[in-house]
Amino acid sequence: MSLAREAVELLVQAARAWYFEGNQHGLRDREWMALRFLARANRFSRTPSALAGFIGATRATASQIVKTLESKSFLERKPSHEDKRSVVLHVTTQGEKCLNQHDPINHVLNAVAALGTDECMRLRDSLTKILNHLDATHQRLNASICRDCMFLAERGPVTGKARANAEFMCRLYRAPVSLEETELLCTSFERTRDRPKIEEHLDRARVASQG
């Protein structure tokens, strides 16, 4: 068996944690995927249509999933500040609690965290390269973290007390993006090599919060 095949088969085995028959703790695998995504998505991506695209489902299926999560008080709809005709989906406190306590991927998350920071970073970077290659080969667009997106731009120099609240601009939506939001997922993501040095801002924010 080739090393590459062995690695892929191990990934498939790990995926069994979040792809399963029936339900776990009252939710099916796609419902867990939707709740997990909405808890990590930015405000531009917490819409029924963006959710449908992310989980690879029709809008009708995504709508049914949203209704199921709402019926369990894990999700609520609120009017969008950007477009009053649309809604933004918000994970409730009860939904966040359910994710923290029962999400099927938590066991995998704990196992990866146990690898240590350096090995975890290498795993993340390797998986990112694999996904980038798949995206280029199949011309797909997957959601990814805002900080790596070509549409993200710095609004201006940040100094003094404002460092901890540095803001950026999304050139696609023409809307401000806070430092915290740059860590969230976006379904309009497009990768770029020339991105703002957000890590520096994050470091400053961490130092400021500790001080």
N, C-alpha and C. Protein backbone atom coordinates (compact mmCIF):
# COMPACT_ATOMS: atom_id res chain seq x y z
N MET A 1 0.84 -1.20 0.00
CA MET A 1 0.00 0.00 0.00
C MET A 1 0.88 1.25 0.00
N SER A 2 0.55 2.21 -0.90
CA SER A 2 1.33 3.44 -0.95
C SER A 2 1.07 4.29 0.29
N LEU A 3 2.04 5.15 0.60
CA LEU A 3 1.91 6.02 1.76
C LEU A 3 0.72 6.96 1.59
N ALA A 4 0.54 7.48 0.36
CA ALA A 4 -0.57 8.40 0.11
C ALA A 4 -1.91 7.71 0.34
N ARG A 5 -2.07 6.49 -0.17
CA ARG A 5 -3.33 5.76 0.02
C ARG A 5 -3.58 5.47 1.50
N GLU A 6 -2.53 5.10 2.20
CA GLU A 6 -2.68 4.81 3.62
C GLU A 6 -3.16 6.05 4.38
N ALA A 7 -2.59 7.22 4.02
CA ALA A 7 -2.98 8.47 4.68
C ALA A 7 -4.44 8.80 4.38
N VAL A 8 -4.85 8.62 3.12
CA VAL A 8 -6.24 8.91 2.74
C VAL A 8 -7.21 7.98 3.46
N GLU A 9 -6.86 6.71 3.56
CA GLU A 9 -7.74 5.77 4.25
C GLU A 9 -7.87 6.10 5.73
N LEU A 10 -6.81 6.63 6.32
CA LEU A 10 -6.88 7.07 7.71
C LEU A 10 -7.81 8.28 7.85
N LEU A 11 -7.77 9.19 6.85
CA LEU A 11 -8.67 10.33 6.86
C LEU A 11 -10.13 9.87 6.76
N VAL A 12 -10.36 8.88 5.91
CA VAL A 12 -11.71 8.35 5.74
C VAL A 12 -12.20 7.74 7.05
N GLN A 13 -11.32 7.02 7.73
CA GLN A 13 -11.70 6.44 9.02
C GLN A 13 -12.04 7.52 10.04
N ALA A 14 -11.26 8.59 10.04
CA ALA A 14 -11.53 9.70 10.97
C ALA A 14 -12.86 10.36 10.66
N ALA A 15 -13.21 10.39 9.35
CA ALA A 15 -14.46 11.04 8.94
C ALA A 15 -15.70 10.32 9.43
N ARG A 16 -15.55 9.07 9.85
CA ARG A 16 -16.69 8.33 10.37
C ARG A 16 -17.28 8.99 11.62
N ALA A 17 -16.49 9.85 12.24
CA ALA A 17 -16.98 10.54 13.45
C ALA A 17 -18.10 11.51 13.11
N TRP A 18 -18.09 12.09 11.88
CA TRP A 18 -19.13 13.06 11.55
C TRP A 18 -20.02 12.65 10.39
N TYR A 19 -19.75 11.51 9.76
CA TYR A 19 -20.67 10.95 8.77
C TYR A 19 -21.18 9.63 9.32
N PHE A 20 -22.46 9.58 9.67
CA PHE A 20 -22.98 8.38 10.31
C PHE A 20 -24.45 8.20 9.93
N GLU A 21 -24.94 6.98 10.10
CA GLU A 21 -26.36 6.69 9.86
C GLU A 21 -27.16 7.04 11.10
N GLY A 22 -28.43 7.33 10.90
CA GLY A 22 -29.29 7.64 12.04
C GLY A 22 -28.96 8.98 12.65
N ASN A 23 -29.00 9.06 13.97
CA ASN A 23 -28.71 10.33 14.62
C ASN A 23 -27.89 10.12 15.89
N GLN A 24 -27.25 11.20 16.29
CA GLN A 24 -26.51 11.21 17.55
C GLN A 24 -26.99 12.41 18.36
N HIS A 25 -27.45 12.15 19.57
CA HIS A 25 -27.97 13.19 20.45
C HIS A 25 -29.10 13.98 19.76
N GLY A 26 -29.90 13.27 18.98
CA GLY A 26 -31.09 13.88 18.39
C GLY A 26 -30.89 14.56 17.06
N LEU A 27 -29.66 14.58 16.52
CA LEU A 27 -29.40 15.24 15.25
C LEU A 27 -28.73 14.29 14.27
N ARG A 28 -29.10 14.42 12.98
CA ARG A 28 -28.44 13.64 11.94
C ARG A 28 -27.14 14.33 11.55
N ASP A 29 -26.30 13.63 10.75
CA ASP A 29 -24.97 14.17 10.45
C ASP A 29 -25.02 15.52 9.75
N ARG A 30 -25.95 15.71 8.80
CA ARG A 30 -26.04 16.99 8.10
C ARG A 30 -26.53 18.11 9.03
N GLU A 31 -27.35 17.76 9.99
CA GLU A 31 -27.82 18.76 10.95
C GLU A 31 -26.68 19.19 11.87
N TRP A 32 -25.83 18.25 12.26
CA TRP A 32 -24.63 18.59 13.02
C TRP A 32 -23.72 19.47 12.17
N MET A 33 -23.55 19.11 10.90
CA MET A 33 -22.68 19.89 10.01
C MET A 33 -23.19 21.32 9.88
N ALA A 34 -24.51 21.46 9.75
CA ALA A 34 -25.10 22.80 9.61
C ALA A 34 -24.90 23.61 10.88
N LEU A 35 -25.18 23.02 12.02
CA LEU A 35 -25.03 23.73 13.30
C LEU A 35 -23.58 24.13 13.53
N ARG A 36 -22.68 23.21 13.22
CA ARG A 36 -21.24 23.47 13.37
C ARG A 36 -20.80 24.62 12.47
N PHE A 37 -21.26 24.61 11.22
CA PHE A 37 -20.88 25.66 10.27
C PHE A 37 -21.42 27.02 10.71
N LEU A 38 -22.70 27.06 11.08
CA LEU A 38 -23.31 28.33 11.45
C LEU A 38 -22.68 28.93 12.70
N ALA A 39 -22.13 28.09 13.57
CA ALA A 39 -21.44 28.58 14.77
C ALA A 39 -20.09 29.19 14.43
N ARG A 40 -19.54 28.86 13.25
CA ARG A 40 -18.21 29.33 12.87
C ARG A 40 -18.23 30.30 11.69
N ALA A 41 -19.42 30.53 11.11
CA ALA A 41 -19.51 31.36 9.91
C ALA A 41 -19.65 32.84 10.25
N ASN A 42 -19.19 33.69 9.34
CA ASN A 42 -19.36 35.13 9.55
C ASN A 42 -20.77 35.56 9.15
N ARG A 43 -21.09 36.82 9.37
CA ARG A 43 -22.47 37.27 9.18
C ARG A 43 -22.90 37.22 7.72
N PHE A 44 -21.96 37.25 6.79
CA PHE A 44 -22.30 37.17 5.37
C PHE A 44 -22.67 35.75 4.94
N SER A 45 -22.27 34.77 5.73
CA SER A 45 -22.45 33.37 5.34
C SER A 45 -23.49 32.63 6.15
N ARG A 46 -24.10 33.31 7.11
CA ARG A 46 -25.11 32.64 7.93
C ARG A 46 -26.51 32.84 7.33
N THR A 47 -26.65 32.46 6.07
CA THR A 47 -27.92 32.55 5.37
C THR A 47 -28.33 31.16 4.90
N PRO A 48 -29.62 30.93 4.66
CA PRO A 48 -30.06 29.62 4.18
C PRO A 48 -29.38 29.20 2.88
N SER A 49 -29.18 30.14 1.95
CA SER A 49 -28.56 29.79 0.67
C SER A 49 -27.09 29.44 0.83
N ALA A 50 -26.37 30.20 1.68
CA ALA A 50 -24.96 29.89 1.93
C ALA A 50 -24.82 28.55 2.63
N LEU A 51 -25.73 28.26 3.55
CA LEU A 51 -25.72 26.98 4.24
C LEU A 51 -25.92 25.84 3.25
N ALA A 52 -26.87 26.01 2.34
CA ALA A 52 -27.14 24.97 1.34
C ALA A 52 -25.88 24.68 0.51
N GLY A 53 -25.18 25.74 0.11
CA GLY A 53 -23.96 25.55 -0.67
C GLY A 53 -22.88 24.85 0.11
N PHE A 54 -22.75 25.19 1.39
CA PHE A 54 -21.68 24.61 2.20
C PHE A 54 -21.89 23.12 2.44
N ILE A 55 -23.12 22.71 2.74
CA ILE A 55 -23.36 21.29 3.04
C ILE A 55 -23.68 20.48 1.80
N GLY A 56 -23.71 21.15 0.63
CA GLY A 56 -23.96 20.44 -0.61
C GLY A 56 -25.38 19.92 -0.73
N ALA A 57 -26.35 20.76 -0.34
CA ALA A 57 -27.75 20.35 -0.36
C ALA A 57 -28.58 21.36 -1.15
N THR A 58 -29.78 20.98 -1.52
CA THR A 58 -30.70 21.92 -2.16
C THR A 58 -31.18 22.92 -1.12
N ARG A 59 -31.73 24.03 -1.58
CA ARG A 59 -32.24 25.03 -0.64
C ARG A 59 -33.41 24.47 0.16
N ALA A 60 -34.20 23.60 -0.46
CA ALA A 60 -35.32 23.00 0.24
C ALA A 60 -34.83 22.12 1.40
N THR A 61 -33.77 21.34 1.13
CA THR A 61 -33.20 20.49 2.18
C THR A 61 -32.59 21.34 3.29
N ALA A 62 -31.86 22.39 2.90
CA ALA A 62 -31.26 23.28 3.90
C ALA A 62 -32.33 23.95 4.74
N SER A 63 -33.43 24.34 4.11
CA SER A 63 -34.53 24.97 4.83
C SER A 63 -35.13 24.01 5.86
N GLN A 64 -35.24 22.74 5.49
CA GLN A 64 -35.77 21.75 6.42
C GLN A 64 -34.83 21.54 7.60
N ILE A 65 -33.52 21.55 7.32
CA ILE A 65 -32.53 21.42 8.39
C ILE A 65 -32.62 22.59 9.35
N VAL A 66 -32.76 23.81 8.80
CA VAL A 66 -32.90 25.00 9.64
C VAL A 66 -34.13 24.88 10.52
N LYS A 67 -35.24 24.42 9.95
CA LYS A 67 -36.47 24.25 10.73
C LYS A 67 -36.27 23.25 11.87
N THR A 68 -35.56 22.17 11.59
CA THR A 68 -35.29 21.17 12.64
C THR A 68 -34.48 21.78 13.77
N LEU A 69 -33.44 22.54 13.43
CA LEU A 69 -32.59 23.16 14.45
C LEU A 69 -33.35 24.24 15.22
N GLU A 70 -34.24 24.95 14.54
CA GLU A 70 -35.07 25.94 15.22
C GLU A 70 -36.02 25.27 16.19
N SER A 71 -36.60 24.13 15.80
CA SER A 71 -37.55 23.44 16.66
C SER A 71 -36.91 22.95 17.95
N LYS A 72 -35.59 22.75 17.92
CA LYS A 72 -34.86 22.32 19.11
C LYS A 72 -34.24 23.49 19.86
N SER A 73 -34.58 24.71 19.41
CA SER A 73 -34.08 25.95 20.03
C SER A 73 -32.57 26.09 19.91
N PHE A 74 -31.97 25.48 18.87
CA PHE A 74 -30.54 25.61 18.63
C PHE A 74 -30.23 26.77 17.68
N LEU A 75 -31.27 27.28 17.02
CA LEU A 75 -31.07 28.27 15.97
C LEU A 75 -32.22 29.27 16.00
N GLU A 76 -31.92 30.52 15.61
CA GLU A 76 -32.97 31.52 15.47
C GLU A 76 -32.64 32.42 14.29
N ARG A 77 -33.68 32.98 13.69
CA ARG A 77 -33.52 33.88 12.54
C ARG A 77 -33.63 35.33 13.02
N LYS A 78 -32.78 36.19 12.43
CA LYS A 78 -32.86 37.62 12.71
C LYS A 78 -32.72 38.38 11.39
N PRO A 79 -33.33 39.55 11.28
CA PRO A 79 -33.20 40.34 10.04
C PRO A 79 -31.75 40.73 9.81
N SER A 80 -31.35 40.73 8.57
CA SER A 80 -29.99 41.13 8.21
C SER A 80 -29.85 42.64 8.29
N HIS A 81 -28.72 43.11 8.86
CA HIS A 81 -28.46 44.55 8.92
C HIS A 81 -28.09 45.09 7.54
N GLU A 82 -27.49 44.22 6.69
CA GLU A 82 -27.07 44.64 5.37
C GLU A 82 -28.22 44.65 4.36
N ASP A 83 -29.14 43.68 4.51
CA ASP A 83 -30.25 43.56 3.58
C ASP A 83 -31.50 43.18 4.37
N LYS A 84 -32.40 44.14 4.55
CA LYS A 84 -33.58 43.92 5.38
C LYS A 84 -34.52 42.86 4.79
N ARG A 85 -34.34 42.51 3.51
CA ARG A 85 -35.21 41.50 2.90
C ARG A 85 -34.75 40.08 3.23
N SER A 86 -33.57 39.94 3.75
CA SER A 86 -33.04 38.61 4.05
C SER A 86 -32.87 38.41 5.55
N VAL A 87 -32.57 37.17 5.93
CA VAL A 87 -32.38 36.84 7.35
C VAL A 87 -30.98 36.29 7.58
N VAL A 88 -30.54 36.42 8.82
CA VAL A 88 -29.27 35.84 9.24
C VAL A 88 -29.58 34.81 10.31
N LEU A 89 -28.95 33.65 10.21
CA LEU A 89 -29.18 32.57 11.15
C LEU A 89 -28.18 32.67 12.30
N HIS A 90 -28.68 32.58 13.52
CA HIS A 90 -27.84 32.71 14.70
C HIS A 90 -27.95 31.45 15.56
N VAL A 91 -26.81 30.91 15.97
CA VAL A 91 -26.81 29.78 16.89
C VAL A 91 -27.09 30.31 18.29
N THR A 92 -28.05 29.73 18.96
CA THR A 92 -28.43 30.18 20.30
C THR A 92 -27.44 29.67 21.35
N THR A 93 -27.59 30.18 22.55
CA THR A 93 -26.76 29.69 23.66
C THR A 93 -26.96 28.20 23.86
N GLN A 94 -28.19 27.75 23.70
CA GLN A 94 -28.48 26.32 23.84
C GLN A 94 -27.81 25.51 22.73
N GLY A 95 -27.76 26.09 21.52
CA GLY A 95 -27.09 25.42 20.41
C GLY A 95 -25.59 25.32 20.63
N GLU A 96 -24.99 26.40 21.15
CA GLU A 96 -23.56 26.39 21.45
C GLU A 96 -23.24 25.36 22.54
N LYS A 97 -24.12 25.27 23.52
CA LYS A 97 -23.93 24.30 24.60
C LYS A 97 -23.98 22.88 24.05
N CYS A 98 -24.91 22.63 23.13
CA CYS A 98 -25.03 21.31 22.51
C CYS A 98 -23.77 20.97 21.73
N LEU A 99 -23.23 21.93 21.00
CA LEU A 99 -21.99 21.70 20.25
C LEU A 99 -20.83 21.39 21.19
N ASN A 100 -20.71 22.15 22.24
CA ASN A 100 -19.61 21.96 23.19
C ASN A 100 -19.67 20.60 23.87
N GLN A 101 -20.87 20.13 24.15
CA GLN A 101 -21.02 18.90 24.93
C GLN A 101 -21.17 17.65 24.08
N HIS A 102 -21.81 17.77 22.90
CA HIS A 102 -22.21 16.56 22.18
C HIS A 102 -21.76 16.46 20.72
N ASP A 103 -21.11 17.49 20.18
CA ASP A 103 -20.71 17.44 18.77
C ASP A 103 -19.89 16.18 18.51
N PRO A 104 -20.28 15.36 17.51
CA PRO A 104 -19.55 14.11 17.22
C PRO A 104 -18.07 14.30 16.90
N ILE A 105 -17.68 15.51 16.43
CA ILE A 105 -16.27 15.69 16.09
C ILE A 105 -15.41 16.06 17.30
N ASN A 106 -16.02 16.22 18.46
CA ASN A 106 -15.24 16.63 19.63
C ASN A 106 -14.14 15.63 19.98
N HIS A 107 -14.41 14.34 19.77
CA HIS A 107 -13.39 13.33 20.06
C HIS A 107 -12.19 13.50 19.13
N VAL A 108 -12.47 13.80 17.85
CA VAL A 108 -11.38 14.03 16.90
C VAL A 108 -10.65 15.31 17.25
N LEU A 109 -11.40 16.33 17.64
CA LEU A 109 -10.80 17.61 18.03
C LEU A 109 -9.85 17.44 19.20
N ASN A 110 -10.26 16.68 20.19
CA ASN A 110 -9.41 16.44 21.35
C ASN A 110 -8.16 15.66 20.99
N ALA A 111 -8.32 14.70 20.07
CA ALA A 111 -7.17 13.89 19.64
C ALA A 111 -6.15 14.74 18.89
N VAL A 112 -6.64 15.65 18.04
CA VAL A 112 -5.74 16.53 17.30
C VAL A 112 -5.07 17.51 18.25
N ALA A 113 -5.81 18.07 19.19
CA ALA A 113 -5.23 19.01 20.15
C ALA A 113 -4.13 18.36 20.97
N ALA A 114 -4.29 17.05 21.23
CA ALA A 114 -3.29 16.32 22.03
C ALA A 114 -1.97 16.16 21.29
N LEU A 115 -1.94 16.41 19.98
CA LEU A 115 -0.69 16.29 19.22
C LEU A 115 0.32 17.36 19.62
N GLY A 116 -0.18 18.46 20.14
CA GLY A 116 0.71 19.58 20.46
C GLY A 116 0.64 20.63 19.37
N THR A 117 1.05 21.85 19.70
CA THR A 117 0.89 22.99 18.79
C THR A 117 1.62 22.80 17.47
N ASP A 118 2.89 22.44 17.50
CA ASP A 118 3.68 22.33 16.27
C ASP A 118 3.12 21.28 15.32
N GLU A 119 2.83 20.10 15.86
CA GLU A 119 2.32 19.03 15.01
C GLU A 119 0.91 19.36 14.51
N CYS A 120 0.14 20.02 15.34
CA CYS A 120 -1.20 20.43 14.94
C CYS A 120 -1.14 21.44 13.79
N MET A 121 -0.19 22.37 13.85
CA MET A 121 -0.02 23.35 12.78
C MET A 121 0.41 22.67 11.49
N ARG A 122 1.30 21.68 11.59
CA ARG A 122 1.74 20.96 10.39
C ARG A 122 0.58 20.21 9.76
N LEU A 123 -0.26 19.60 10.60
CA LEU A 123 -1.42 18.89 10.10
C LEU A 123 -2.37 19.85 9.40
N ARG A 124 -2.63 20.99 10.03
CA ARG A 124 -3.50 22.00 9.43
C ARG A 124 -2.99 22.47 8.09
N ASP A 125 -1.68 22.77 8.02
CA ASP A 125 -1.10 23.27 6.78
C ASP A 125 -1.13 22.21 5.68
N SER A 126 -0.89 20.95 6.06
CA SER A 126 -0.93 19.86 5.06
C SER A 126 -2.34 19.67 4.52
N LEU A 127 -3.33 19.70 5.40
CA LEU A 127 -4.72 19.54 4.96
C LEU A 127 -5.16 20.72 4.10
N THR A 128 -4.66 21.91 4.43
CA THR A 128 -4.98 23.09 3.62
C THR A 128 -4.45 22.94 2.21
N LYS A 129 -3.22 22.44 2.07
CA LYS A 129 -2.64 22.22 0.75
C LYS A 129 -3.44 21.20 -0.04
N ILE A 130 -3.89 20.15 0.63
CA ILE A 130 -4.69 19.12 -0.04
C ILE A 130 -5.99 19.72 -0.55
N LEU A 131 -6.68 20.49 0.30
CA LEU A 131 -7.95 21.10 -0.10
C LEU A 131 -7.75 22.12 -1.22
N ASN A 132 -6.67 22.88 -1.17
CA ASN A 132 -6.39 23.84 -2.24
C ASN A 132 -6.18 23.13 -3.56
N HIS A 133 -5.49 21.99 -3.52
CA HIS A 133 -5.26 21.21 -4.74
C HIS A 133 -6.58 20.67 -5.28
N LEU A 134 -7.44 20.18 -4.40
CA LEU A 134 -8.73 19.66 -4.82
C LEU A 134 -9.60 20.76 -5.41
N ASP A 135 -9.55 21.95 -4.79
CA ASP A 135 -10.33 23.07 -5.30
C ASP A 135 -9.89 23.45 -6.71
N ALA A 136 -8.55 23.49 -6.92
CA ALA A 136 -8.01 23.86 -8.23
C ALA A 136 -8.35 22.80 -9.27
N THR A 137 -8.28 21.53 -8.88
CA THR A 137 -8.54 20.44 -9.83
C THR A 137 -10.00 20.36 -10.24
N HIS A 138 -10.89 20.53 -9.26
CA HIS A 138 -12.32 20.35 -9.52
C HIS A 138 -13.07 21.68 -9.63
N GLN A 139 -12.32 22.81 -9.59
CA GLN A 139 -12.90 24.14 -9.70
C GLN A 139 -14.03 24.35 -8.68
N ARG A 140 -13.74 23.95 -7.47
CA ARG A 140 -14.70 24.11 -6.39
C ARG A 140 -14.30 25.30 -5.53
N LEU A 141 -15.26 25.80 -4.78
CA LEU A 141 -14.98 26.89 -3.85
C LEU A 141 -15.53 26.50 -2.49
N ASN A 142 -14.64 26.23 -1.56
CA ASN A 142 -15.07 25.87 -0.22
C ASN A 142 -14.94 27.07 0.71
N ALA A 143 -15.74 27.05 1.75
CA ALA A 143 -15.62 28.11 2.74
C ALA A 143 -14.28 28.00 3.44
N SER A 144 -13.71 29.15 3.77
CA SER A 144 -12.47 29.15 4.53
C SER A 144 -12.42 30.41 5.37
N ILE A 145 -11.33 30.57 6.12
CA ILE A 145 -11.24 31.65 7.09
C ILE A 145 -11.01 33.00 6.41
N CYS A 146 -11.73 33.99 6.87
CA CYS A 146 -11.72 35.32 6.28
C CYS A 146 -10.31 35.90 6.14
N ARG A 147 -9.44 35.64 7.12
CA ARG A 147 -8.13 36.29 7.12
C ARG A 147 -7.29 35.93 5.90
N ASP A 148 -7.59 34.80 5.22
CA ASP A 148 -6.82 34.37 4.06
C ASP A 148 -7.48 34.75 2.74
N CYS A 149 -8.51 35.58 2.78
CA CYS A 149 -9.30 35.88 1.58
C CYS A 149 -8.76 37.09 0.82
N MET A 150 -8.84 37.04 -0.50
CA MET A 150 -8.36 38.13 -1.34
C MET A 150 -9.20 39.40 -1.20
N PHE A 151 -10.43 39.26 -0.69
CA PHE A 151 -11.31 40.42 -0.57
C PHE A 151 -11.07 41.22 0.71
N LEU A 152 -10.25 40.69 1.61
CA LEU A 152 -10.01 41.38 2.87
C LEU A 152 -8.92 42.43 2.72
N ALA A 153 -9.20 43.62 3.22
CA ALA A 153 -8.22 44.71 3.15
C ALA A 153 -8.22 45.46 4.47
N GLU A 154 -7.07 46.01 4.83
CA GLU A 154 -6.98 46.82 6.04
C GLU A 154 -7.60 48.18 5.78
N ARG A 155 -8.31 48.70 6.77
CA ARG A 155 -8.99 49.98 6.61
C ARG A 155 -8.05 51.16 6.78
N GLY A 156 -6.94 50.94 7.49
CA GLY A 156 -6.02 52.03 7.72
C GLY A 156 -5.09 51.70 8.85
N PRO A 157 -4.10 52.55 9.14
CA PRO A 157 -3.16 52.28 10.23
C PRO A 157 -3.87 52.21 11.57
N VAL A 158 -3.40 51.27 12.39
CA VAL A 158 -3.99 51.06 13.71
C VAL A 158 -2.94 51.35 14.77
N THR A 159 -3.25 52.27 15.67
CA THR A 159 -2.27 52.65 16.68
C THR A 159 -2.92 52.74 18.05
N GLY A 160 -2.08 52.79 19.07
CA GLY A 160 -2.55 53.04 20.44
C GLY A 160 -3.60 52.08 20.91
N LYS A 161 -4.63 52.63 21.59
CA LYS A 161 -5.67 51.81 22.19
C LYS A 161 -6.53 51.11 21.14
N ALA A 162 -6.52 51.58 19.90
CA ALA A 162 -7.37 50.99 18.87
C ALA A 162 -6.83 49.67 18.34
N ARG A 163 -5.61 49.33 18.73
CA ARG A 163 -5.01 48.12 18.19
C ARG A 163 -5.85 46.88 18.47
N ALA A 164 -6.39 46.78 19.68
CA ALA A 164 -7.15 45.59 20.05
C ALA A 164 -8.44 45.49 19.27
N ASN A 165 -8.93 46.63 18.69
CA ASN A 165 -10.18 46.63 17.94
C ASN A 165 -9.95 46.97 16.46
N ALA A 166 -8.83 46.54 15.94
CA ALA A 166 -8.49 46.83 14.55
C ALA A 166 -9.58 46.33 13.63
N GLU A 167 -9.94 47.14 12.64
CA GLU A 167 -10.97 46.75 11.70
C GLU A 167 -10.41 46.66 10.30
N PHE A 168 -11.06 45.81 9.52
CA PHE A 168 -10.69 45.60 8.14
C PHE A 168 -11.92 45.83 7.28
N MET A 169 -11.74 45.74 5.97
CA MET A 169 -12.85 45.96 5.05
C MET A 169 -12.97 44.76 4.11
N CYS A 170 -14.20 44.29 3.93
CA CYS A 170 -14.45 43.27 2.92
C CYS A 170 -14.77 44.00 1.63
N ARG A 171 -13.91 43.83 0.62
CA ARG A 171 -14.10 44.55 -0.64
C ARG A 171 -15.23 43.95 -1.46
N LEU A 172 -15.60 42.70 -1.20
CA LEU A 172 -16.71 42.09 -1.92
C LEU A 172 -18.05 42.64 -1.45
N TYR A 173 -18.24 42.65 -0.11
CA TYR A 173 -19.50 43.13 0.45
C TYR A 173 -19.48 44.61 0.79
N ARG A 174 -18.29 45.23 0.66
CA ARG A 174 -18.13 46.64 0.97
C ARG A 174 -18.62 46.95 2.39
N ALA A 175 -18.13 46.14 3.31
CA ALA A 175 -18.56 46.26 4.70
C ALA A 175 -17.35 46.11 5.62
N PRO A 176 -17.38 46.76 6.79
CA PRO A 176 -16.28 46.62 7.75
C PRO A 176 -16.25 45.23 8.36
N VAL A 177 -15.05 44.77 8.69
CA VAL A 177 -14.86 43.45 9.32
C VAL A 177 -13.98 43.66 10.54
N SER A 178 -14.45 43.20 11.69
CA SER A 178 -13.65 43.35 12.90
C SER A 178 -12.54 42.31 12.94
N LEU A 179 -11.59 42.53 13.83
CA LEU A 179 -10.48 41.60 13.97
C LEU A 179 -10.97 40.20 14.31
N GLU A 180 -11.94 40.11 15.21
CA GLU A 180 -12.47 38.81 15.61
C GLU A 180 -13.13 38.09 14.44
N GLU A 181 -13.79 38.85 13.54
CA GLU A 181 -14.48 38.23 12.41
C GLU A 181 -13.53 37.64 11.39
N THR A 182 -12.27 38.08 11.38
CA THR A 182 -11.32 37.53 10.41
C THR A 182 -11.01 36.07 10.68
N GLU A 183 -11.40 35.56 11.86
CA GLU A 183 -11.17 34.16 12.21
C GLU A 183 -12.37 33.28 11.85
N LEU A 184 -13.42 33.86 11.28
CA LEU A 184 -14.63 33.11 10.97
C LEU A 184 -14.63 32.63 9.52
N LEU A 185 -15.51 31.66 9.25
CA LEU A 185 -15.62 31.08 7.92
C LEU A 185 -16.48 31.95 7.01
N CYS A 186 -16.14 31.95 5.72
CA CYS A 186 -16.92 32.70 4.74
C CYS A 186 -17.09 31.86 3.48
N THR A 187 -18.32 31.78 2.97
CA THR A 187 -18.58 30.99 1.77
C THR A 187 -18.25 31.76 0.49
N SER A 188 -17.94 33.05 0.62
CA SER A 188 -17.51 33.84 -0.54
C SER A 188 -16.00 33.94 -0.63
N PHE A 189 -15.34 33.09 0.12
CA PHE A 189 -13.87 33.09 0.22
C PHE A 189 -13.19 32.84 -1.11
N GLU A 190 -12.13 33.61 -1.36
CA GLU A 190 -11.22 33.35 -2.48
C GLU A 190 -9.81 33.58 -1.97
N ARG A 191 -8.96 32.60 -2.20
CA ARG A 191 -7.62 32.63 -1.62
C ARG A 191 -6.72 33.66 -2.31
N THR A 192 -5.81 34.22 -1.52
CA THR A 192 -4.81 35.14 -2.04
C THR A 192 -3.49 34.91 -1.34
N ARG A 193 -2.42 35.23 -2.01
CA ARG A 193 -1.09 35.14 -1.38
C ARG A 193 -0.72 36.43 -0.69
N ASP A 194 -1.32 37.52 -1.15
CA ASP A 194 -1.00 38.83 -0.58
C ASP A 194 -2.11 39.25 0.35
N ARG A 195 -2.04 38.81 1.60
CA ARG A 195 -3.08 39.12 2.57
C ARG A 195 -2.50 40.02 3.66
N PRO A 196 -3.36 40.76 4.34
CA PRO A 196 -2.87 41.61 5.44
C PRO A 196 -2.18 40.76 6.51
N LYS A 197 -1.26 41.36 7.21
CA LYS A 197 -0.55 40.63 8.27
C LYS A 197 -1.40 40.61 9.53
N ILE A 198 -2.47 39.85 9.46
CA ILE A 198 -3.45 39.83 10.54
C ILE A 198 -2.88 39.18 11.79
N GLU A 199 -1.95 38.25 11.62
CA GLU A 199 -1.37 37.61 12.80
C GLU A 199 -0.78 38.64 13.75
N GLU A 200 -0.19 39.72 13.20
CA GLU A 200 0.39 40.75 14.04
C GLU A 200 -0.70 41.44 14.87
N HIS A 201 -1.83 41.71 14.25
CA HIS A 201 -2.94 42.33 14.96
C HIS A 201 -3.48 41.39 16.03
N LEU A 202 -3.58 40.10 15.70
CA LEU A 202 -4.08 39.12 16.67
C LEU A 202 -3.16 39.05 17.87
N ASP A 203 -1.83 39.09 17.62
CA ASP A 203 -0.87 39.06 18.72
C ASP A 203 -1.06 40.29 19.61
N ARG A 204 -1.24 41.46 18.98
CA ARG A 204 -1.41 42.67 19.76
C ARG A 204 -2.69 42.60 20.59
N ALA A 205 -3.76 42.03 19.99
CA ALA A 205 -5.03 41.93 20.69
C ALA A 205 -4.90 41.02 21.90
N ARG A 206 -4.17 39.91 21.74
CA ARG A 206 -3.98 38.97 22.86
C ARG A 206 -3.20 39.64 24.00
N VAL A 207 -2.17 40.40 23.62
CA VAL A 207 -1.36 41.11 24.63
C VAL A 207 -2.21 42.14 25.35
N ALA A 208 -3.03 42.88 24.57
CA ALA A 208 -3.87 43.92 25.16
C ALA A 208 -4.89 43.32 26.12
N SER A 209 -5.46 42.16 25.75
CA SER A 209 -6.48 41.54 26.61
C SER A 209 -5.86 41.01 27.90
N GLN A 210 -4.57 40.62 27.83
CA GLN A 210 -3.90 40.13 29.02
C GLN A 210 -3.46 41.26 29.95
N GLY A 211 -3.27 42.43 29.32
CA GLY A 211 -2.84 43.57 30.12
C GLY A 211 -3.99 44.24 30.81
